[in-house]
Protein backbone atom coordinates (compact mmCIF):
# COMPACT_ATOMS: atom_id res chain seq x y z
CA MET A 1 18.90 5.17 -25.33
CA PRO A 2 22.39 4.94 -26.61
CA LYS A 3 24.76 2.13 -27.12
CA VAL A 4 27.94 2.57 -24.98
CA ILE A 5 31.19 -0.07 -25.35
CA VAL A 6 33.82 0.11 -23.04
CA ALA A 7 36.84 -1.41 -23.98
CA GLN A 8 40.29 -2.87 -22.74
CA SER A 9 43.05 -4.40 -22.20
CA VAL A 10 42.54 -7.50 -20.16
CA ILE A 11 45.18 -10.64 -19.29
CA ASP A 12 43.63 -13.74 -19.55
CA ILE A 13 41.17 -13.80 -22.02
CA ASP A 14 39.14 -17.18 -20.53
CA ARG A 15 39.78 -15.79 -17.37
CA TRP A 16 37.78 -12.35 -18.66
CA LEU A 17 35.07 -14.57 -19.91
CA GLY A 18 34.68 -16.74 -17.08
CA GLY A 19 33.03 -12.93 -15.61
CA LYS A 20 30.01 -12.60 -17.49
CA ALA A 21 28.17 -13.43 -15.03
CA GLU A 22 29.04 -10.71 -12.72
CA ARG A 23 29.97 -8.24 -15.03
CA VAL A 24 26.24 -8.32 -16.49
CA GLU A 25 24.41 -8.29 -12.65
CA ALA A 26 27.14 -5.40 -11.51
CA LEU A 27 26.28 -4.06 -14.90
CA GLY A 28 22.60 -4.02 -14.98
CA THR A 29 22.51 -1.00 -12.52
CA VAL A 30 22.95 1.29 -15.05
CA ALA A 31 22.54 -0.40 -18.10
CA THR A 32 20.59 -3.07 -20.16
CA SER A 33 21.11 -6.12 -23.33
CA VAL A 34 25.16 -6.48 -21.67
CA THR A 35 27.70 -7.99 -24.20
CA ASP A 36 30.92 -9.40 -23.87
CA HIS A 37 33.32 -8.89 -27.24
CA VAL A 38 36.84 -10.10 -27.76
CA ALA A 39 39.60 -8.96 -30.45
CA LEU A 40 39.26 -10.87 -33.94
CA ASP A 41 43.45 -11.59 -33.53
CA GLY A 42 43.45 -13.75 -30.41
CA GLY A 43 44.79 -11.06 -28.47
CA ASN A 44 43.63 -9.44 -24.96
CA GLN A 45 41.82 -6.64 -25.93
CA THR A 46 38.25 -7.04 -25.70
CA ALA A 47 34.73 -4.88 -24.99
CA VAL A 48 31.53 -4.52 -23.28
CA SER A 49 28.63 -3.49 -25.21
CA MET A 50 25.19 -2.53 -23.97
CA GLU A 51 22.17 0.21 -23.18
CA VAL A 52 22.42 2.89 -21.45
CA ASP A 53 19.97 5.35 -19.94
CA ASP A 54 22.31 7.18 -18.27
CA VAL A 55 26.36 8.12 -20.14
CA ALA A 56 27.10 10.63 -17.43
CA THR A 57 25.99 8.04 -14.56
CA LEU A 58 28.29 4.94 -16.16
CA GLN A 59 31.24 7.46 -17.25
CA ALA A 60 31.37 7.54 -12.91
CA MET A 61 31.04 4.13 -11.84
CA VAL A 62 34.29 3.34 -14.89
CA SER A 63 36.09 6.84 -13.86
CA SER A 64 36.39 6.06 -10.61
CA PRO A 65 34.83 2.71 -10.02
CA PRO A 66 33.21 1.62 -5.85
CA PRO A 67 35.13 -0.83 -4.00
CA GLU A 68 33.26 -3.19 -5.30
CA LEU A 69 33.30 -2.55 -9.17
CA MET A 70 37.37 -2.61 -8.63
CA ALA A 71 37.71 -5.55 -7.23
CA LEU A 72 35.68 -7.71 -10.06
CA MET A 73 37.53 -5.49 -12.09
CA GLU A 74 40.59 -7.07 -11.09
CA LYS A 75 39.21 -10.10 -10.66
CA HIS A 76 38.53 -11.17 -14.43
CA GLY A 77 41.82 -9.30 -14.86
CA VAL A 78 41.32 -5.82 -16.61
CA ILE A 79 43.73 -4.22 -16.88
CA PRO A 80 43.22 -0.39 -17.01
CA PRO A 81 42.74 2.56 -18.54
CA LEU A 82 39.33 1.58 -19.89
CA ALA A 83 37.94 3.36 -23.22
CA ILE A 84 34.46 4.89 -23.55
CA TYR A 85 33.00 4.67 -27.48
CA VAL A 86 28.95 6.66 -27.43
CA GLU A 87 26.97 6.04 -30.14
CA LYS A 88 25.90 9.18 -32.20
């Protein structure tokens, strides 16, 4: 199961971190070991690391989010675009 990192900018770090449980639930359909990361410099860069069975499914989900995921991203203050990194 490859590890994947999804990186993005957010409007407010505390707002984004407050959505941890919702993020784990939403990504739990395609991923396990969902972990949040914030920039060490205190900036607005964040990332989510996870283990994924089907990287193509995650990529499709993030590239063209269904309405409920898009609403969650907006609620958490995510600023597109998102970058996806896959363990090789």
